[in-house]
N, C-alpha and C. Protein backbone atom coordinates (compact mmCIF):
# COMPACT_ATOMS: atom_id res chain seq x y z
N MET A 1 21.01 -52.34 7.26
CA MET A 1 21.36 -50.85 7.97
C MET A 1 22.17 -50.26 7.10
N PRO A 2 21.62 -48.85 6.13
CA PRO A 2 22.52 -48.02 5.64
C PRO A 2 23.93 -47.86 6.23
N SER A 3 25.27 -47.80 5.52
CA SER A 3 26.40 -47.64 5.88
C SER A 3 26.53 -45.91 6.22
N ALA A 4 27.56 -45.89 7.39
CA ALA A 4 27.84 -44.35 7.89
C ALA A 4 27.77 -43.47 6.41
N ALA A 5 28.18 -44.00 5.26
CA ALA A 5 28.52 -43.50 3.90
C ALA A 5 27.12 -42.36 3.57
N ALA A 6 26.15 -43.84 3.54
CA ALA A 6 25.21 -43.38 3.07
C ALA A 6 24.60 -41.84 3.76
N TYR A 7 24.21 -41.96 5.12
CA TYR A 7 23.88 -40.89 6.09
C TYR A 7 24.86 -39.90 5.21
N VAL A 8 26.19 -39.85 5.51
CA VAL A 8 26.98 -38.78 4.91
C VAL A 8 26.30 -38.04 3.67
N LYS A 9 26.29 -39.20 2.40
CA LYS A 9 25.90 -38.83 1.44
C LYS A 9 24.54 -37.71 1.41
N ALA A 10 23.81 -38.27 1.99
CA ALA A 10 21.84 -37.53 2.24
C ALA A 10 22.11 -36.57 3.26
N ILE A 11 23.03 -36.53 4.21
CA ILE A 11 23.12 -34.98 4.63
C ILE A 11 23.78 -33.96 3.79
N SER A 12 25.07 -34.31 3.45
CA SER A 12 25.52 -33.61 2.23
C SER A 12 24.63 -33.21 1.20
N ALA A 13 23.77 -33.79 0.64
CA ALA A 13 22.58 -33.84 -0.54
C ALA A 13 21.85 -32.42 0.07
N GLY A 14 21.49 -32.57 1.20
CA GLY A 14 20.21 -32.25 1.91
C GLY A 14 20.87 -30.59 2.08
N ALA A 15 21.92 -30.59 2.53
CA ALA A 15 22.88 -29.49 2.69
C ALA A 15 22.93 -28.72 1.76
N ALA A 16 23.31 -29.40 0.98
CA ALA A 16 23.39 -28.78 -0.88
C ALA A 16 21.99 -28.04 -1.15
N LEU A 17 21.42 -28.89 -1.42
CA LEU A 17 19.73 -27.93 -1.74
C LEU A 17 19.23 -27.03 -0.34
N CYS A 18 19.67 -27.10 0.31
CA CYS A 18 18.56 -26.17 1.82
C CYS A 18 19.54 -24.88 1.27
N ILE A 19 20.85 -25.64 1.17
CA ILE A 19 21.96 -23.41 1.67
C ILE A 19 22.07 -23.62 -0.06
N GLY A 20 22.42 -24.25 -1.13
CA GLY A 20 22.45 -23.95 -2.39
C GLY A 20 20.84 -23.27 -2.97
N GLY A 21 20.48 -23.75 -3.13
CA GLY A 21 18.97 -23.64 -3.79
C GLY A 21 18.98 -21.75 -3.39
N PRO A 22 18.59 -21.36 -2.01
CA PRO A 22 18.18 -20.05 -1.96
C PRO A 22 19.29 -19.51 -2.70
N ALA A 23 20.58 -19.57 -2.78
CA ALA A 23 21.85 -18.98 -2.63
C ALA A 23 21.95 -19.11 -4.85
N LEU A 24 21.50 -19.58 -5.09
CA LEU A 24 21.14 -19.60 -6.72
C LEU A 24 20.55 -18.54 -6.99
N VAL A 25 19.11 -18.92 -6.60
CA VAL A 25 18.26 -17.62 -6.88
C VAL A 25 18.15 -15.87 -6.24
N TRP A 26 19.53 -16.17 -5.38
CA TRP A 26 19.77 -14.90 -4.77
C TRP A 26 20.87 -14.29 -5.94
N TYR A 27 21.25 -14.82 -6.65
CA TYR A 27 22.71 -14.83 -7.39
C TYR A 27 21.67 -14.50 -8.50
N VAL A 28 20.58 -15.12 -9.10
CA VAL A 28 20.46 -14.78 -10.59
C VAL A 28 19.31 -13.94 -10.20
N SER A 29 18.15 -13.87 -9.16
CA SER A 29 17.47 -12.60 -9.24
C SER A 29 18.42 -11.08 -9.64
N PRO A 30 17.65 -10.57 -10.59
CA PRO A 30 18.22 -9.11 -10.73
C PRO A 30 17.64 -7.69 -9.78
N THR A 31 18.58 -7.21 -9.64
CA THR A 31 18.29 -6.04 -8.12
C THR A 31 17.12 -5.04 -9.02
N GLU A 32 16.91 -4.34 -8.55
CA GLU A 32 15.70 -3.28 -8.68
C GLU A 32 15.54 -2.59 -9.54
N GLU A 33 17.35 -1.87 -9.23
CA GLU A 33 17.92 -1.03 -10.33
C GLU A 33 18.67 -1.74 -11.80
N GLU A 34 18.21 -3.07 -12.16
CA GLU A 34 18.62 -3.80 -12.84
C GLU A 34 17.44 -3.61 -13.99
N ILE A 35 16.02 -4.04 -12.89
CA ILE A 35 15.00 -4.17 -13.50
C ILE A 35 14.63 -2.79 -14.14
N PHE A 36 14.91 -2.01 -13.73
CA PHE A 36 14.32 0.04 -14.05
C PHE A 36 15.48 -0.10 -15.39
N LYS A 37 16.65 -0.34 -15.16
CA LYS A 37 17.40 0.19 -16.35
C LYS A 37 16.97 -0.06 -17.89
N LYS A 38 15.94 -1.18 -17.43
CA LYS A 38 15.55 -2.64 -18.80
C LYS A 38 14.11 -1.85 -19.29
N TYR A 39 13.80 -1.00 -18.12
CA TYR A 39 12.64 0.04 -18.54
C TYR A 39 12.71 0.77 -20.21
N ASN A 40 11.39 0.92 -20.75
CA ASN A 40 11.88 1.87 -21.70
C ASN A 40 11.93 3.57 -21.01
N PRO A 41 12.28 4.57 -21.63
CA PRO A 41 12.32 5.67 -20.75
C PRO A 41 11.48 6.56 -20.36
N GLU A 42 9.91 6.22 -21.57
CA GLU A 42 9.00 6.21 -20.86
C GLU A 42 8.21 5.75 -19.66
N LEU A 43 8.79 4.31 -19.41
CA LEU A 43 8.13 4.18 -18.00
C LEU A 43 8.77 4.35 -17.17
N GLN A 44 10.28 4.64 -17.57
CA GLN A 44 11.27 5.38 -16.32
C GLN A 44 10.65 6.64 -15.91
N LYS A 45 10.43 7.32 -16.74
CA LYS A 45 10.22 8.73 -16.77
C LYS A 45 8.69 9.19 -15.10
N ARG A 46 7.62 7.95 -15.99
CA ARG A 46 6.23 7.57 -15.73
C ARG A 46 6.99 7.04 -13.77
N ALA A 47 7.44 5.85 -13.59
CA ALA A 47 8.11 5.79 -12.85
C ALA A 47 8.93 6.67 -11.77
N LEU A 48 9.03 7.35 -12.09
CA LEU A 48 10.03 8.04 -11.24
C LEU A 48 8.98 9.22 -10.74
N ALA A 49 7.94 9.85 -11.55
CA ALA A 49 7.01 10.81 -11.56
C ALA A 49 6.13 9.99 -10.28
N THR A 50 5.93 9.03 -10.10
CA THR A 50 4.89 8.58 -9.27
C THR A 50 5.13 7.56 -8.43
N ARG A 51 6.79 7.88 -8.03
CA ARG A 51 7.61 7.08 -7.09
C ARG A 51 7.11 7.55 -5.50
N GLN A 52 6.79 8.80 -5.25
CA GLN A 52 6.62 9.77 -4.00
C GLN A 52 5.15 9.13 -3.84
N GLN A 53 4.56 9.13 -4.57
CA GLN A 53 3.21 9.08 -4.61
C GLN A 53 3.23 7.51 -3.94
N ARG A 54 3.50 6.70 -4.73
CA ARG A 54 3.54 5.17 -4.12
C ARG A 54 3.96 4.90 -2.60
N GLN A 55 5.31 5.86 -2.44
CA GLN A 55 5.42 5.69 -0.67
C GLN A 55 5.11 6.08 -0.24
N GLU A 56 3.84 7.20 -0.35
CA GLU A 56 3.09 7.30 0.68
C GLU A 56 2.51 7.12 0.59
N GLU A 57 1.35 6.23 -0.64
CA GLU A 57 0.37 4.91 -0.38
C GLU A 57 0.88 3.65 0.60
N PHE A 58 1.86 3.44 0.65
CA PHE A 58 2.49 2.44 1.05
C PHE A 58 2.42 2.76 2.59
N GLU A 59 2.85 3.72 2.84
CA GLU A 59 3.24 3.98 4.31
C GLU A 59 2.16 4.12 5.02
N SER A 60 0.73 4.85 4.40
CA SER A 60 -0.25 4.55 5.10
C SER A 60 -1.08 3.74 5.76
N PHE A 61 -0.63 2.35 3.90
CA PHE A 61 -1.04 1.17 4.30
C PHE A 61 -0.49 0.76 5.36
N VAL A 62 0.88 0.80 5.32
CA VAL A 62 1.44 0.52 6.88
C VAL A 62 1.11 0.70 8.08
N VAL A 63 0.65 2.33 8.39
CA VAL A 63 -0.09 2.88 9.61
C VAL A 63 -1.15 1.61 9.68
N GLN A 64 -2.02 1.74 8.89
CA GLN A 64 -3.24 1.30 8.68
C GLN A 64 -3.01 0.16 9.27
N LEU A 65 -2.04 -0.57 8.62
CA LEU A 65 -2.49 -2.25 9.45
C LEU A 65 -1.97 -2.25 10.39
N LYS A 66 -0.48 -1.36 11.19
CA LYS A 66 -0.37 -1.64 12.19
C LYS A 66 -1.83 -1.00 13.50
N GLU A 67 -1.96 -0.04 12.99
CA GLU A 67 -3.50 0.52 13.66
C GLU A 67 -4.57 -1.13 14.10
N ALA A 68 -4.54 -1.60 12.86
CA ALA A 68 -5.60 -2.56 13.04
C ALA A 68 -5.07 -4.00 13.91
N SER A 69 -3.94 -3.87 13.84
CA SER A 69 -3.54 -5.09 14.21
C SER A 69 -3.63 -4.94 15.75
N LYS A 70 -3.62 -3.58 16.29
CA LYS A 70 -3.82 -3.98 17.57
C LYS A 70 -4.94 -4.46 18.50
N SER A 71 -6.27 -4.56 17.43
CA SER A 71 -7.56 -4.96 18.18
C SER A 71 -7.34 -6.50 18.14
N ASP A 72 -8.23 -7.03 18.75
CA ASP A 72 -8.36 -8.46 18.95
C ASP A 72 -9.08 -9.25 18.09
N LYS A 73 -9.42 -8.37 17.12
CA LYS A 73 -10.47 -9.00 15.76
C LYS A 73 -9.50 -9.42 15.34
N PRO A 74 -10.37 -10.26 14.19
CA PRO A 74 -9.53 -10.64 13.31
C PRO A 74 -9.58 -9.10 12.51
N ILE A 75 -7.94 -9.52 11.58
CA ILE A 75 -7.61 -8.25 10.70
C ILE A 75 -8.47 -7.68 9.80
N TRP A 76 -9.24 -8.37 8.95
CA TRP A 76 -10.34 -8.54 7.82
C TRP A 76 -11.10 -7.95 8.49
N THR A 77 -11.58 -7.82 9.46
CA THR A 77 -12.87 -7.39 9.97
C THR A 77 -12.63 -5.79 10.42
N VAL A 78 -11.28 -5.90 11.27
CA VAL A 78 -11.10 -4.33 11.40
C VAL A 78 -10.86 -3.46 10.09
N GLN A 79 -10.46 -4.02 9.21
CA GLN A 79 -10.00 -2.84 8.06
C GLN A 79 -11.30 -2.85 7.31
N LYS A 80 -12.10 -3.69 7.62
CA LYS A 80 -13.97 -3.53 7.02
C LYS A 80 -14.98 -2.22 7.75
N GLU A 81 -14.19 -2.21 9.00
CA GLU A 81 -14.88 -1.25 9.76
C GLU A 81 -14.09 -0.48 9.46
N MET A 82 -12.66 0.14 9.41
CA MET A 82 -12.28 1.34 9.03
C MET A 82 -12.73 2.11 7.62
N ASP A 83 -12.93 1.04 7.02
CA ASP A 83 -13.19 1.21 5.64
C ASP A 83 -14.28 2.14 5.76
N LYS A 84 -15.39 1.53 5.98
CA LYS A 84 -16.89 1.70 6.38
C LYS A 84 -16.52 2.93 7.09
N LYS A 85 -16.18 2.91 8.03
CA LYS A 85 -15.72 4.67 9.04
C LYS A 85 -15.43 5.47 8.04
N ARG A 86 -14.35 5.30 7.19
CA ARG A 86 -13.69 6.23 6.27
C ARG A 86 -14.13 6.97 5.67
N SER A 87 -15.38 5.78 4.96
CA SER A 87 -16.37 6.27 3.85
C SER A 87 -17.85 6.72 4.27
N ASP A 88 -17.71 6.55 5.48
CA ASP A 88 -18.71 7.52 6.49
C ASP A 88 -18.53 8.85 6.61
N ASP A 89 -17.14 9.00 7.16
CA ASP A 89 -16.58 10.74 7.46
C ASP A 89 -16.44 11.80 5.96
N ASN A 90 -16.05 10.32 4.81
CA ASN A 90 -15.94 11.49 3.06
C ASN A 90 -17.77 11.61 2.93
N ALA A 91 -18.30 10.97 3.36
CA ALA A 91 -20.40 11.16 3.17
C ALA A 91 -20.29 12.53 3.85
N GLN A 92 -20.03 12.32 5.13
CA GLN A 92 -20.47 13.79 6.07
C GLN A 92 -19.24 14.79 5.15
N ARG A 93 -18.27 14.65 5.53
CA ARG A 93 -17.64 15.85 5.08
C ARG A 93 -18.29 16.36 3.83
N MET A 94 -19.02 15.47 2.68
CA MET A 94 -19.41 16.07 1.46
C MET A 94 -20.66 16.71 1.50
N ARG A 95 -21.12 16.11 2.80
CA ARG A 95 -22.56 16.71 2.89
C ARG A 95 -21.81 18.41 3.97
N ASP A 96 -21.28 18.00 4.57
CA ASP A 96 -20.92 19.16 4.71
C ASP A 96 -20.63 20.24 4.30
N ASP A 97 -19.58 20.22 3.41
CA ASP A 97 -19.45 20.86 2.19
C ASP A 97 -20.17 21.56 1.46
N ARG A 98 -21.36 20.68 0.98
CA ARG A 98 -22.33 21.05 0.34
C ARG A 98 -23.17 22.06 1.01
N ASP A 99 -24.03 22.07 2.05
CA ASP A 99 -24.42 22.60 3.40
C ASP A 99 -24.07 24.05 3.14
N SER A 100 -22.20 24.31 3.57
CA SER A 100 -21.60 25.21 3.58
C SER A 100 -21.79 25.93 2.29
N LEU A 101 -21.61 25.68 1.18
CA LEU A 101 -21.69 25.86 -0.29
C LEU A 101 -22.63 27.02 -0.28
N ALA A 102 -23.94 25.40 0.35
CA ALA A 102 -25.48 26.30 0.10
C ALA A 102 -25.79 27.87 1.12
N ALA A 103 -24.90 27.67 2.05
CA ALA A 103 -25.07 29.04 2.65
C ALA A 103 -24.54 29.87 2.13
N GLU A 104 -23.45 29.87 1.55
CA GLU A 104 -22.58 31.06 0.94
C GLU A 104 -23.37 31.54 0.10
N VAL A 105 -24.00 30.36 -1.16
CA VAL A 105 -24.82 30.63 -2.23
C VAL A 105 -26.17 31.82 -1.56
N GLU A 106 -26.71 31.21 -0.49
CA GLU A 106 -27.62 31.96 0.16
C GLU A 106 -27.58 33.51 0.27
N ARG A 107 -26.21 33.20 1.07
CA ARG A 107 -25.78 34.55 1.60
C ARG A 107 -25.54 35.86 0.66
N ARG A 108 -25.15 34.92 -0.33
CA ARG A 108 -24.80 36.14 -1.17
C ARG A 108 -26.04 36.73 -2.18
N ARG A 109 -26.91 35.69 -2.35
CA ARG A 109 -28.10 35.96 -3.41
C ARG A 109 -28.84 37.51 -1.83
N THR A 110 -28.47 37.34 -0.45
CA THR A 110 -29.71 37.83 0.42
C THR A 110 -28.15 39.59 0.02
N GLU A 111 -27.12 39.10 -0.07
CA GLU A 111 -26.38 40.40 0.20
C GLU A 111 -26.60 41.22 -1.46
N VAL A 112 -26.99 40.43 -2.56
CA VAL A 112 -26.91 41.20 -4.00
C VAL A 112 -28.72 41.54 -3.73
N ARG A 113 -29.33 41.35 -3.23
CA ARG A 113 -30.59 41.41 -2.60
C ARG A 113 -30.63 42.77 -2.30
N SER A 114 -30.13 42.68 -0.92
CA SER A 114 -30.35 44.13 -0.29
C SER A 114 -29.48 44.94 -0.73
N SER A 115 -28.34 44.71 -1.90
CA SER A 115 -27.56 45.86 -2.33
C SER A 115 -28.37 46.59 -3.77
N THR A 116 -29.05 45.64 -4.10
CA THR A 116 -29.73 46.69 -5.13
C THR A 116 -30.97 46.90 -4.77
N ASN A 117 -31.36 46.66 -3.82
CA ASN A 117 -33.05 47.84 -2.99
C ASN A 117 -32.47 49.08 -2.62
């Protein structure tokens, strides 16, 4: 039968691993600013230039995930449905733009023909 000292050692070692491991990782990991400072100047400029766009894309992604999570269906199914709906909407918008452009061209043609006669 193990003695009480063995239990104390085991519990102490377990606590050291469970607490010390994550603390060591937190202490050793660089911050975002430290990583950014190690970039070369060209990459820093590019990262600063695209920061706003990346934040907007991330925010729209989070909004889509929140919307998809409201459904009872699995999230990947809802994402596929949303992607299909988005592509259908884009295709319809492109058809509408093409039709309105064609109508504008035809209107101008008739206008030019009527003004020359």
